Protein backbone atom coordinates (compact mmCIF):
# COMPACT_ATOMS: atom_id res chain seq x y z
CA MET A 1 78.09 206.19 64.28
CA VAL A 2 77.57 202.65 65.45
CA LYS A 3 75.91 199.98 63.45
CA ASN A 4 74.16 197.29 65.45
CA SER A 5 73.33 193.83 64.13
CA LYS A 6 71.86 190.77 65.75
CA ARG A 7 72.13 187.06 64.75
CA LYS A 8 71.00 183.84 66.28
CA SER A 9 73.88 181.76 67.63
CA SER A 10 74.11 178.11 66.89
CA ASP A 11 74.90 177.43 70.56
CA ASP A 12 72.73 174.74 72.08
CA SER A 13 71.91 177.09 74.95
CA GLY A 14 70.06 179.45 72.60
CA ALA A 15 71.93 182.58 73.81
CA ILE A 16 71.87 185.79 71.73
CA VAL A 17 75.28 187.08 70.80
CA SER A 18 75.82 190.82 69.86
CA ASP A 19 78.72 191.92 67.71
CA ASN A 20 79.56 195.67 68.16
CA ASP A 21 81.66 197.70 65.76
CA SER A 22 83.13 200.84 67.38
CA HIS A 23 85.20 203.83 66.34
CA LEU A 24 88.89 203.47 66.89
CA GLY A 25 90.48 206.36 68.66
CA SER A 26 94.08 207.11 69.35
CA ASN A 27 93.63 207.22 73.08
CA SER A 28 91.14 204.45 73.83
CA ALA A 29 89.53 201.32 72.38
CA SER A 30 86.53 199.36 73.59
CA THR A 31 85.95 195.70 72.70
CA LYS A 32 83.25 193.34 73.81
CA THR A 33 84.11 189.56 73.84
CA THR A 34 81.75 186.67 74.13
CA ALA A 35 81.99 184.58 77.32
CA PRO A 36 83.64 181.25 76.73
CA ALA A 37 80.70 179.44 78.25
CA LEU A 38 78.42 180.95 75.61
CA ARG A 39 80.67 180.31 72.66
CA SER A 40 79.50 177.68 70.21
CA VAL A 41 81.28 174.37 70.60
CA ASN A 42 81.27 173.90 66.87
CA GLU A 43 83.46 176.92 66.29
CA GLU A 44 87.16 176.38 66.02
CA GLU A 45 88.73 177.63 69.23
CA VAL A 46 92.10 179.26 69.07
CA GLU A 47 93.91 179.75 72.34
CA THR A 48 94.91 183.41 72.79
CA ALA A 49 95.97 185.60 75.67
CA ASP A 50 92.36 186.61 76.14
CA ASN A 51 91.04 183.08 75.68
CA LEU A 52 93.08 180.64 77.72
CA GLN A 53 91.95 177.03 77.60
CA LEU A 54 92.34 175.28 80.94
CA GLU A 55 91.51 171.68 81.92
CA ASP A 56 89.69 170.93 85.13
CA PRO A 57 91.85 168.41 87.06
CA TYR A 58 88.81 167.32 89.10
CA GLU A 59 86.44 166.88 86.21
CA ASP A 60 86.45 163.06 86.36
CA ILE A 61 86.13 162.97 90.13
CA TYR A 62 83.14 165.29 90.37
CA GLU A 63 81.34 164.01 87.31
CA GLU A 64 77.64 164.36 87.83
CA GLU A 65 75.61 161.21 88.34
CA GLU A 66 73.07 160.45 85.68
CA ASP A 67 70.77 158.88 88.26
CA ASP A 68 68.36 161.43 89.76
CA ASP A 69 67.75 159.38 92.90
CA SER A 70 68.64 161.09 96.12
CA TYR A 71 70.95 159.59 98.76
CA GLU A 72 67.97 158.74 100.91
CA ASP A 73 66.29 156.90 98.07
CA VAL A 74 69.43 154.93 97.31
CA TYR A 75 69.94 154.07 100.97
CA GLU A 76 66.36 152.91 101.37
CA SER A 77 66.31 150.92 98.12
CA SER A 78 69.50 148.93 98.86
CA GLY A 79 68.09 147.06 101.81
CA ASP A 80 65.55 144.34 101.12
CA GLU A 81 66.73 143.70 97.58
CA ASP A 82 70.30 143.29 98.79
CA ASP A 83 69.17 140.86 101.46
CA GLU A 84 67.19 138.88 98.91
CA TYR A 85 70.20 138.80 96.60
CA MET A 86 72.60 137.55 99.29
CA GLU A 87 70.10 134.99 100.55
CA ALA A 88 69.63 133.62 97.03
CA MET A 89 73.40 133.45 96.49
CA ASN A 90 73.91 131.55 99.75
CA GLU A 91 71.24 129.06 98.75
CA GLY A 92 72.78 128.66 95.30
CA ASP A 93 69.59 129.83 93.49
CA ILE A 94 71.07 131.63 90.48
CA THR A 95 67.69 132.58 88.99
CA ALA A 96 66.42 134.23 92.18
CA ALA A 97 69.74 136.03 92.65
CA ALA A 98 69.57 137.46 89.13
CA ALA A 99 66.01 138.66 89.70
CA ALA A 100 66.99 140.31 92.98
CA ALA A 101 69.93 142.06 91.33
CA ALA A 102 67.71 143.38 88.53
CA ALA A 103 65.10 144.72 91.00
CA THR A 104 67.65 146.74 92.94
CA LYS A 105 67.07 150.51 92.53
CA GLY A 106 70.33 151.52 94.09
CA PRO A 107 73.82 150.72 92.96
CA LYS A 108 74.06 147.71 90.70
CA LEU A 109 74.72 144.49 92.55
CA PRO A 110 77.33 142.17 91.00
CA PRO A 111 75.72 139.58 88.75
CA PRO A 112 75.62 136.07 90.16
CA ILE A 113 78.36 133.71 88.95
CA ASN A 114 77.06 130.54 87.36
CA ILE A 115 79.45 127.73 88.26
CA ASN A 116 78.19 125.75 85.28
CA ASP A 117 79.44 128.39 82.80
CA GLY A 118 82.59 127.55 80.89
CA GLU A 119 84.14 124.28 79.80
CA VAL A 120 86.00 123.43 83.05
CA GLN A 121 83.73 122.05 85.76
CA PRO A 122 84.80 122.11 89.42
CA ALA A 123 86.34 118.74 90.36
CA GLN A 124 84.85 116.83 93.25
CA ILE A 125 87.41 116.19 95.97
CA LYS A 126 87.63 112.53 96.95
CA THR A 127 89.79 110.77 99.50
CA TRP A 128 92.18 108.31 97.87
CA ASN A 129 91.69 104.75 99.03
CA PRO A 130 94.71 102.46 98.42
CA PHE A 131 92.53 99.35 98.38
CA MET A 132 90.42 100.61 95.48
CA GLY A 133 93.36 100.65 93.08
CA ASN A 134 94.09 103.29 90.45
CA THR A 135 90.66 103.41 88.81
CA THR A 136 91.24 106.77 87.07
CA GLY A 137 94.35 105.71 85.19
CA GLU A 138 96.34 108.61 86.59
CA GLN A 139 100.00 108.16 87.42
CA LEU A 140 100.76 108.19 91.13
CA GLU A 141 103.50 110.46 92.42
CA MET A 142 105.68 109.29 95.30
CA ASP A 143 105.62 111.29 98.51
CA GLU A 144 109.29 111.30 99.49
CA THR A 145 108.47 112.32 103.06
CA ALA A 146 106.89 108.89 103.57
CA TYR A 147 110.24 107.12 103.12
CA LYS A 148 113.60 107.13 104.83
CA MET A 149 115.03 105.29 101.84
CA HIS A 150 113.58 104.27 98.48
CA HIS A 151 115.29 102.76 95.44
CA ALA A 152 113.66 101.16 92.40
CA LEU A 153 115.11 98.96 89.68
CA THR A 154 113.61 97.93 86.34
CA PRO A 155 115.15 94.66 85.07
CA GLU A 156 115.31 93.25 81.58
CA TRP A 157 112.72 90.59 82.40
CA PRO A 158 110.08 90.59 85.15
CA SER A 159 110.36 88.30 88.15
CA LEU A 160 107.67 86.50 90.12
CA THR A 161 109.93 85.88 93.08
CA LEU A 162 112.89 87.14 95.09
CA ASP A 163 114.66 86.34 98.32
CA ILE A 164 117.19 88.25 100.41
CA VAL A 165 120.75 86.99 100.79
CA PRO A 166 122.07 87.82 104.29
CA ASP A 167 125.45 89.54 104.35
CA ALA A 168 128.20 87.75 106.23
CA HIS A 169 130.46 90.79 106.75
CA LEU A 170 128.36 93.92 107.36
CA GLY A 171 126.75 92.72 110.58
CA GLU A 172 123.28 92.64 112.10
CA ASN A 173 120.87 95.47 112.93
CA ARG A 174 122.46 97.90 110.49
CA THR A 175 120.98 101.38 110.83
CA ARG A 176 123.75 103.58 109.42
CA PHE A 177 123.46 104.78 105.83
CA PRO A 178 124.37 103.94 103.13
CA HIS A 179 123.04 100.39 103.04
CA THR A 180 123.95 97.33 100.99
CA VAL A 181 121.26 94.84 99.95
CA THR A 182 121.84 91.55 98.12
CA ILE A 183 118.89 89.68 96.60
CA VAL A 184 118.46 86.64 94.40
CA VAL A 185 115.74 86.69 91.72
CA GLY A 186 114.39 84.40 89.00
CA THR A 187 113.24 85.66 85.62
CA GLN A 188 110.17 85.12 83.45
CA ALA A 189 111.59 85.67 79.96
CA ASP A 190 109.82 85.32 76.62
CA LYS A 191 111.95 82.29 75.73
CA LYS A 192 112.99 79.42 77.98
CA SER A 193 116.63 79.73 76.99
CA LYS A 194 116.77 83.34 78.23
CA ASN A 195 115.72 82.61 81.80
CA LYS A 196 118.30 82.88 84.56
CA LEU A 197 118.87 83.02 88.28
CA SER A 198 120.47 86.39 89.13
CA VAL A 199 122.27 87.64 92.21
CA LEU A 200 121.91 91.43 92.54
CA ARG A 201 124.09 93.51 94.85
CA MET A 202 122.73 97.03 95.44
CA SER A 203 125.18 99.15 97.41
CA ASP A 204 125.49 102.80 98.46
CA LEU A 205 121.74 103.01 99.08
CA CYS A 206 121.43 106.39 100.76
CA ARG A 207 118.55 107.95 102.61
CA ILE A 208 116.23 110.33 100.78
CA PRO A 209 117.67 113.86 101.16
CA GLY A 210 115.76 115.73 103.83
CA SER A 211 113.91 112.67 105.05
CA GLY A 212 112.83 112.89 108.66
CA THR A 213 114.90 111.14 111.28
CA GLU A 214 114.42 110.61 114.96
CA LYS A 215 115.41 113.63 117.03
CA THR A 216 118.52 113.38 119.13
CA GLU A 217 118.73 114.35 122.80
CA LYS A 218 120.40 117.62 121.83
CA GLU A 219 117.62 118.49 119.38
CA LEU A 220 114.97 117.83 122.00
CA ASP A 221 116.85 120.08 124.47
CA ASP A 222 117.05 122.83 121.86
CA GLU A 223 113.28 122.71 121.38
CA MET A 224 112.61 122.94 125.10
CA LEU A 225 115.26 125.48 126.14
CA GLY A 226 115.51 127.62 123.02
CA ASP A 227 118.46 128.94 121.04
CA ALA A 228 120.23 130.23 124.15
CA TRP A 229 120.93 126.67 125.23
CA LYS A 230 124.13 125.25 123.83
CA HIS A 231 125.88 121.98 124.45
CA GLU A 232 129.60 121.95 125.03
CA ASP A 233 130.12 119.59 122.12
CA ASP A 234 127.77 121.36 119.73
CA ASP A 235 130.50 122.34 117.30
CA ASP A 236 131.94 118.86 117.03
CA SER A 237 128.59 117.12 116.77
CA ASP A 238 127.23 119.57 114.22
CA SER A 239 130.31 119.32 112.05
CA SER A 240 130.39 115.53 112.20
CA SER A 241 126.69 115.18 111.45
CA SER A 242 126.89 117.64 108.58
CA ASP A 243 129.88 115.78 107.16
CA GLU A 244 127.94 112.53 107.29
CA GLU A 245 124.93 114.08 105.56
CA GLU A 246 127.11 115.54 102.83
CA GLU A 247 128.85 112.20 102.38
CA GLU A 248 125.50 110.40 102.09
CA GLU A 249 124.10 112.81 99.54
CA GLU A 250 127.16 112.62 97.32
CA LEU A 251 126.96 108.83 96.87
CA ASP A 252 125.20 107.29 93.87
CA PRO A 253 123.64 103.81 94.07
CA VAL A 254 125.75 101.01 92.61
CA LEU A 255 124.29 97.83 91.06
CA GLU A 256 126.34 94.69 90.47
CA ASN A 257 124.99 91.33 89.34
CA TYR A 258 125.96 87.82 88.43
CA SER A 259 123.64 85.41 86.61
CA PHE A 260 123.28 81.63 86.36
CA PRO A 261 121.49 80.13 83.34
CA HIS A 262 118.26 78.25 84.06
CA SER A 263 117.42 75.90 81.23
CA GLY A 264 114.14 74.79 82.80
CA GLY A 265 112.21 77.85 81.65
CA GLY A 266 110.63 80.45 83.90
CA ILE A 267 111.36 80.44 87.64
CA ASN A 268 108.34 80.17 89.92
CA ARG A 269 109.98 80.55 93.33
CA VAL A 270 113.45 80.95 94.86
CA ARG A 271 114.50 80.44 98.48
CA VAL A 272 117.89 81.00 100.15
CA CYS A 273 119.02 78.44 102.73
CA PRO A 274 119.03 80.21 106.13
CA HIS A 275 121.97 78.14 107.43
CA ASN A 276 124.13 78.67 104.35
CA SER A 277 123.31 81.61 102.08
CA SER A 278 125.38 80.09 99.27
CA VAL A 279 122.68 77.48 98.61
CA VAL A 280 119.54 78.56 96.73
CA GLY A 281 116.53 76.39 95.92
CA VAL A 282 114.70 77.07 92.64
CA TRP A 283 111.24 75.85 91.56
CA GLY A 284 111.02 75.84 87.73
CA GLU A 285 107.96 75.90 85.54
CA ASN A 286 109.13 72.64 83.96
CA GLY A 287 108.44 70.76 87.21
CA VAL A 288 112.11 70.51 88.24
CA VAL A 289 113.59 71.71 91.54
CA SER A 290 117.23 72.80 91.29
CA LEU A 291 119.81 73.74 93.90
CA TYR A 292 122.48 76.33 93.03
CA ASP A 293 125.74 77.20 94.75
CA ILE A 294 126.11 80.97 94.48
CA GLY A 295 129.08 81.19 96.87
CA GLY A 296 131.52 82.11 94.09
CA ALA A 297 129.26 84.92 92.89
CA ILE A 298 128.97 86.28 96.43
CA ASP A 299 132.76 86.26 96.76
CA MET A 300 133.13 88.14 93.47
CA LEU A 301 130.62 90.75 94.58
CA ASP A 302 132.38 91.12 97.94
CA ARG A 303 135.67 91.85 96.22
CA SER A 304 134.29 94.30 93.68
CA SER A 305 131.78 96.00 95.91
CA LEU A 306 131.97 99.81 95.91
CA SER A 307 129.86 100.16 99.00
CA ALA A 308 131.13 102.73 101.47
CA ASN A 309 130.06 100.47 104.31
CA ALA A 310 132.11 97.58 102.97
CA ARG A 311 135.22 99.73 102.67
CA LYS A 312 134.89 101.16 106.19
CA ASN A 313 133.79 98.06 108.06
CA ASP A 314 135.34 95.16 106.26
CA GLY A 315 136.99 96.47 103.13
CA SER A 316 140.42 94.89 103.66
CA GLN A 317 138.94 91.47 104.33
CA ALA A 318 136.72 91.68 101.27
CA MET A 319 139.61 92.70 99.02
CA ASN A 320 141.90 89.94 100.31
CA LYS A 321 139.21 87.27 100.31
CA GLU A 322 139.80 84.26 98.08
CA VAL A 323 137.06 83.53 95.59
CA ARG A 324 135.42 80.13 95.69
CA LYS A 325 135.19 78.08 92.54
CA MET A 326 132.44 79.40 90.27
CA ARG A 327 129.83 76.89 89.15
CA LYS A 328 127.10 78.08 86.79
CA ASP A 329 125.05 74.89 86.58
CA PRO A 330 122.93 73.64 89.51
CA PHE A 331 124.73 71.06 91.63
CA PHE A 332 121.51 69.15 92.41
CA VAL A 333 118.50 68.63 90.12
CA TYR A 334 115.35 66.84 91.23
CA SER A 335 112.61 65.86 88.77
CA GLY A 336 110.55 63.60 91.04
CA HIS A 337 107.50 65.87 91.16
CA SER A 338 104.63 65.08 88.80
CA THR A 339 104.14 68.71 87.73
CA GLU A 340 105.33 72.22 88.43
CA GLY A 341 104.82 73.94 91.77
CA TYR A 342 105.39 77.09 93.80
CA ALA A 343 105.73 75.91 97.40
CA ILE A 344 109.27 75.64 98.76
CA ASP A 345 110.70 76.39 102.21
CA TRP A 346 113.88 75.69 104.21
CA SER A 347 113.70 74.66 107.85
CA ARG A 348 115.20 77.14 110.31
CA VAL A 349 115.63 74.48 112.98
CA THR A 350 117.29 71.64 111.06
CA PRO A 351 120.11 72.74 108.70
CA GLY A 352 119.68 71.51 105.15
CA ARG A 353 116.05 70.35 105.53
CA LEU A 354 113.83 71.46 102.64
CA ALA A 355 110.16 70.93 101.75
CA THR A 356 108.73 71.26 98.23
CA ALA A 357 105.18 70.79 96.96
CA ASP A 358 103.55 70.77 93.52
CA CYS A 359 100.19 71.61 91.99
CA ASP A 360 99.04 67.97 92.28
CA GLY A 361 99.17 68.15 96.08
CA ASN A 362 102.38 66.14 96.58
CA ILE A 363 104.81 67.19 99.33
CA HIS A 364 108.43 65.98 99.29
CA ILE A 365 110.94 66.31 102.12
CA TRP A 366 114.66 66.90 101.50
CA ASN A 367 117.56 66.27 103.90
CA ALA A 368 121.25 67.08 103.49
CA THR A 369 123.72 64.20 103.57
CA HIS A 370 126.67 66.26 104.88
CA PRO A 371 127.25 69.41 106.97
CA VAL A 372 125.47 72.53 105.75
CA THR A 373 126.62 75.50 107.80
CA PRO A 374 129.92 77.16 106.79
CA ASN A 375 131.53 76.41 110.15
CA ASP A 376 130.56 72.74 109.97
CA ILE A 377 131.84 72.52 106.42
CA VAL A 378 135.19 73.98 107.43
CA ALA A 379 135.36 71.67 110.43
CA LYS A 380 134.88 68.60 108.24
CA TYR A 381 136.60 69.51 105.00
CA GLY A 382 139.09 72.14 106.16
CA ASN A 383 139.50 75.66 104.83
CA LYS A 384 139.55 74.74 101.16
CA SER A 385 138.12 77.84 99.62
CA GLN A 386 138.66 76.72 96.04
CA SER A 387 136.51 73.59 96.37
CA SER A 388 132.79 73.19 97.02
CA PRO A 389 131.32 70.34 99.09
CA TRP A 390 128.04 70.44 97.16
CA SER A 391 127.32 67.75 94.59
CA ASN A 392 124.47 65.68 93.15
CA SER A 393 124.66 63.45 96.21
CA SER A 394 124.36 66.22 98.80
CA PHE A 395 120.64 65.64 99.41
CA THR A 396 118.13 62.85 99.67
CA VAL A 397 114.48 63.44 98.74
CA GLU A 398 111.50 61.44 100.01
CA PRO A 399 107.88 61.82 98.84
CA MET A 400 105.98 62.25 102.10
CA TYR A 401 102.38 63.34 101.40
CA ALA A 402 99.92 63.11 98.51
CA ALA A 403 96.64 64.84 97.72
CA HIS A 404 93.94 64.45 100.36
CA GLY A 405 90.58 62.89 99.69
CA ASP A 406 88.62 65.98 100.76
CA ASN A 407 90.28 68.13 98.09
CA LEU A 408 90.91 65.90 95.07
CA ASP A 409 89.29 68.33 92.61
CA ASN A 410 91.85 71.09 93.24
CA PRO A 411 94.64 69.73 95.44
CA SER A 412 97.36 72.26 94.53
CA VAL A 413 99.65 73.20 97.42
CA GLU A 414 100.37 76.93 97.03
CA ASP A 415 102.77 77.53 99.93
CA LEU A 416 104.72 75.77 102.69
CA GLN A 417 106.11 76.99 106.00
CA TRP A 418 108.26 75.11 108.50
CA SER A 419 107.64 75.70 112.18
CA PRO A 420 110.16 78.17 113.64
CA THR A 421 110.48 76.05 116.79
CA GLU A 422 109.65 72.43 115.86
CA ALA A 423 112.07 70.51 113.63
CA THR A 424 109.44 68.14 112.21
CA VAL A 425 106.33 70.33 111.88
CA LEU A 426 105.28 72.27 108.78
CA ALA A 427 102.12 73.92 107.47
CA SER A 428 100.66 73.99 103.97
CA ALA A 429 98.33 76.38 102.14
CA GLU A 430 96.13 74.71 99.56
CA CYS A 431 93.51 75.51 96.99
CA GLY A 432 89.92 75.15 98.10
CA GLY A 433 90.54 77.10 101.32
CA TYR A 434 92.49 74.43 103.23
CA VAL A 435 95.33 74.83 105.73
CA ARG A 436 96.98 71.67 107.05
CA ILE A 437 99.57 71.00 109.74
CA TYR A 438 101.96 68.07 109.23
CA ASP A 439 104.48 66.22 111.35
CA ILE A 440 106.98 64.38 109.17
CA ARG A 441 107.30 61.71 111.84
CA CYS A 442 103.81 60.63 110.69
CA PRO A 443 104.01 60.26 106.88
CA GLY A 444 100.90 60.10 104.74
CA LYS A 445 98.46 62.10 106.87
CA ALA A 446 97.96 65.58 108.26
CA MET A 447 97.82 66.17 111.99
CA ILE A 448 95.33 69.04 111.63
CA SER A 449 93.26 69.88 108.55
CA ASN A 450 90.86 72.82 108.38
CA LYS A 451 88.95 74.61 105.67
CA ILE A 452 89.42 78.17 106.83
CA HIS A 453 87.46 79.73 103.93
CA SER A 454 83.87 78.52 103.94
CA GLY A 455 83.40 79.87 100.43
CA GLY A 456 86.25 77.73 99.10
CA ALA A 457 88.60 80.60 98.18
CA ASP A 458 92.17 79.41 97.65
CA VAL A 459 94.76 80.01 100.36
CA ASN A 460 97.64 81.53 98.39
CA VAL A 461 100.29 82.17 101.06
CA ILE A 462 101.05 81.53 104.72
CA SER A 463 103.62 82.88 107.17
CA TRP A 464 104.62 81.43 110.54
CA ASN A 465 105.53 84.01 113.16
CA LYS A 466 109.18 83.44 114.11
CA LEU A 467 108.85 85.27 117.45
CA VAL A 468 105.49 83.89 118.58
CA GLY A 469 105.40 80.28 117.47
CA ASN A 470 101.65 79.79 117.82
CA LEU A 471 100.67 82.54 115.33
CA LEU A 472 100.07 81.66 111.68
CA ALA A 473 99.01 84.23 109.06
CA THR A 474 97.20 83.24 105.86
CA GLY A 475 96.37 85.17 102.69
CA GLY A 476 93.50 84.21 100.40
CA ASP A 477 92.51 84.53 96.79
CA ASP A 478 89.41 86.46 97.92
CA GLY A 479 91.57 89.36 99.18
CA SER A 480 91.29 88.51 102.88
CA PHE A 481 94.12 87.69 105.22
CA SER A 482 93.80 86.16 108.66
CA VAL A 483 95.82 85.42 111.79
CA PHE A 484 95.19 82.16 113.65
CA ASP A 485 96.26 80.91 117.06
CA LEU A 486 97.38 77.34 116.42
CA ARG A 487 96.54 76.42 120.01
CA ASN A 488 92.88 76.81 119.04
CA PHE A 489 93.19 75.80 115.40
CA GLN A 490 91.64 72.35 115.75
CA THR A 491 87.87 72.39 116.22
CA ALA A 492 85.60 69.68 117.58
CA ASP A 493 83.42 69.82 114.47
CA ALA A 494 85.50 69.54 111.30
CA SER A 495 82.74 71.26 109.30
CA ILE A 496 83.08 74.45 111.35
CA PRO A 497 86.15 76.53 110.40
CA PRO A 498 88.36 77.79 113.22
CA LYS A 499 87.81 81.36 114.37
CA PRO A 500 90.78 83.63 113.58
CA LEU A 501 92.25 86.13 116.00
CA ALA A 502 91.92 88.75 113.28
CA ARG A 503 90.64 88.82 109.72
CA PHE A 504 90.87 91.71 107.25
CA HIS A 505 88.67 92.02 104.17
CA SER A 506 89.85 95.40 102.92
CA HIS A 507 91.86 94.10 99.95
CA ARG A 508 89.95 93.80 96.70
CA THR A 509 92.55 91.72 94.84
CA PRO A 510 94.16 88.39 95.80
CA ILE A 511 96.82 88.36 98.50
CA THR A 512 100.08 87.47 96.77
CA SER A 513 102.53 87.47 99.68
CA LEU A 514 102.81 88.11 103.41
CA GLU A 515 105.60 87.91 105.97
CA TRP A 516 105.97 88.66 109.67
CA HIS A 517 108.48 91.28 110.77
CA PRO A 518 111.74 89.57 111.88
CA THR A 519 112.00 91.57 115.14
CA ASP A 520 108.48 92.91 115.82
CA GLU A 521 106.04 90.16 116.71
CA SER A 522 102.90 92.17 115.86
CA MET A 523 103.95 93.69 112.53
CA ILE A 524 103.32 92.04 109.18
CA ALA A 525 103.87 93.03 105.53
CA VAL A 526 101.17 92.08 103.02
CA SER A 527 101.06 92.48 99.26
CA ASP A 528 98.32 92.28 96.67
CA ASP A 529 98.14 93.25 93.00
CA ASN A 530 97.80 96.94 93.88
CA GLY A 531 100.65 97.44 96.35
CA THR A 532 102.44 96.56 99.58
CA TYR A 533 100.96 97.21 103.03
CA VAL A 534 102.37 97.17 106.55
CA TYR A 535 100.04 96.34 109.46
CA ASP A 536 100.60 96.57 113.21
CA LEU A 537 98.19 94.11 114.77
CA SER A 538 98.85 95.43 118.27
CA ILE A 539 96.80 98.56 117.48
CA GLU A 540 93.24 98.31 118.75
CA GLU A 541 90.21 100.24 117.61
CA ASP A 542 88.99 102.97 119.97
CA ASP A 543 85.47 101.58 119.66
CA PRO A 544 85.51 98.18 121.43
CA ASP A 545 82.58 96.99 119.31
CA HIS A 546 84.37 97.80 116.05
CA ASN A 547 86.39 94.59 115.86
CA ASN A 548 83.29 92.55 116.56
CA ASN A 549 81.22 94.21 113.85
CA ALA A 550 81.05 91.48 111.23
CA GLU A 551 79.16 93.60 108.70
CA GLU A 552 81.75 96.36 108.69
CA ALA A 553 84.62 93.87 108.65
CA ALA A 554 83.19 92.25 105.53
CA VAL A 555 83.11 95.49 103.54
CA GLU A 556 85.86 95.72 100.94
CA GLY A 557 87.90 98.89 100.82
CA VAL A 558 87.48 99.89 104.49
CA ILE A 559 90.80 101.19 105.84
CA PRO A 560 91.51 99.43 109.16
CA PRO A 561 93.23 101.30 112.00
CA GLN A 562 96.03 98.70 112.01
CA LEU A 563 97.27 99.83 108.59
CA LEU A 564 100.52 101.78 109.07
CA PHE A 565 102.01 102.18 105.60
CA VAL A 566 101.09 101.76 101.94
CA HIS A 567 103.55 101.43 99.06
CA SER A 568 101.80 101.79 95.70
CA GLY A 569 102.80 102.42 92.12
CA SER A 570 104.08 98.92 91.29
CA GLU A 571 102.29 96.81 88.72
CA MET A 572 101.11 93.41 90.01
CA THR A 573 103.23 93.01 93.16
CA LYS A 574 104.14 89.35 93.60
CA GLU A 575 106.37 88.97 96.66
CA VAL A 576 107.51 90.97 99.69
CA HIS A 577 110.27 90.30 102.23
CA TRP A 578 111.72 92.05 105.28
CA HIS A 579 115.49 92.39 105.32
CA PRO A 580 116.73 90.36 108.32
CA GLN A 581 119.72 92.65 108.99
CA ILE A 582 118.40 96.14 108.17
CA PRO A 583 115.52 97.16 110.49
CA SER A 584 112.21 97.77 108.69
CA CYS A 585 113.79 97.49 105.23
CA ILE A 586 111.41 95.92 102.69
CA ALA A 587 112.15 94.41 99.27
CA THR A 588 109.41 93.72 96.73
CA THR A 589 109.15 92.34 93.22
CA SER A 590 106.47 93.06 90.65
CA LEU A 591 105.93 93.04 86.91
CA SER A 592 107.32 96.59 86.79
CA GLY A 593 110.52 95.80 88.72
CA PHE A 594 112.10 95.68 92.17
CA ASN A 595 111.74 98.14 95.05
CA VAL A 596 113.85 98.46 98.22
CA PHE A 597 112.59 100.97 100.78
CA ILE A 598 112.35 101.89 104.46
CA PRO A 599 109.10 103.61 105.58
CA SER A 600 109.59 106.79 107.59
CA ASN A 601 107.12 105.76 110.30
CA LEU A 602 108.76 102.42 111.15
């Protein structure tokens, strides 16, 4: 007899489950089991042989979509809304893009990204202008690829001035690394007693590793003909060049110095005599001009130099060279000026001729009383290396010019330059915008006098082109520098300033120094408070009307096409000079120290 019972299952599907009790026989048994799909999920499931629990490996892949929209509905609904969304994103309308994304019936479009979200705002990219200075206060990083050689030195005290001492043993037109550079500098110490004139010898100045060099004939052939091409002397040339590069990279710069005390306080300007590099003229802030004999210091540096060039080229001579008598005090002191000054220059035509000028507008002319050049000294006095011909009677000084009546309010003479071709002609740069040309055969008056700056801006510096004698460059306190042709410098009307061949207004700070290249007649180095700049005046603008556009030329900060190179990072650059024996080598001084470098594009 079978007893039947029915109960309502707690399964969510509402299925009726029947439990059947049956007689057990020895030969057969019948059992009814509930389908797993109908079993309540709340009941504890025990895996048995009759109830195996298996996982569907494709359950996640074929999970049913909750959205009831058909494929056709999705396809049709993702058209216009998508276009509206993309159009709004392209136009930058975040609000419209968000509305279009919300109205989409199909798959969710990505929410628009608001560039204003978050703390970090996108930085605006700006082109760096060297004439604008470092207005952001950020520290500039040097691009080593812009230099063939670069070395910097931070001294104990800053220097307003430097000059290069030519080397008598290493030769002219030196292009092989490492280089040796000797400079003479004057300090601006906090106390007068600490000031000194220093001779610095920087040797083993190597090129920057990996700096670009001009390609050789073999390298050009390799580029044209490919790797299959091979010179017969490839092995030797490669090995020799690699040895030289390794030798250059292994050398460390060497600095040697010798100092002379300067009791007259800070040093305003120093100049080395071009006919005898042992004689140095010094303008002091106490109004005294002193002449030093640094020949003994040069001899000491020659003997102790560790430069690889000195050892290879002239090492034996330097080691066996007798040292001249060392004299620390100046051999000639002149206190005839009424006040301090900055203008001082040696003539390159007449040996031993010097011009000095002060801030009261007085110009004095110096002449040597005995031979100046080393050969002439040896010819007269013999080869007496232990004695020096220089004494307090070696020069005579004559006051030649006083302040002019048209500039009595501010008559200061800021700079002097002797003519590179005329023994008696020199030019002066004065406050008030004046440039004057003198001939010392006519004392007391200027041959030509012009106010080149109509606004009255001071003329700080001038430079006479040594290769083209009729070109004179001037640098003003208003940040402009000009190039004049002296053949057209005198005008019929004195009230009309002469028209320059070129004038640049890009600099925003006063021009502190300028100098023509010693071997390239069109190249000039210019410095202002922000840096050092190299111009090639032979470069012409593609637009012929550009150079005649006065409005554009008067705009500060415009980068002219003639600008070839910019050296920045120094604080308040004061003076710049080309090295006369190392092509395109530049030395600068600033409040932050000295720099010696060779641009890669010169």
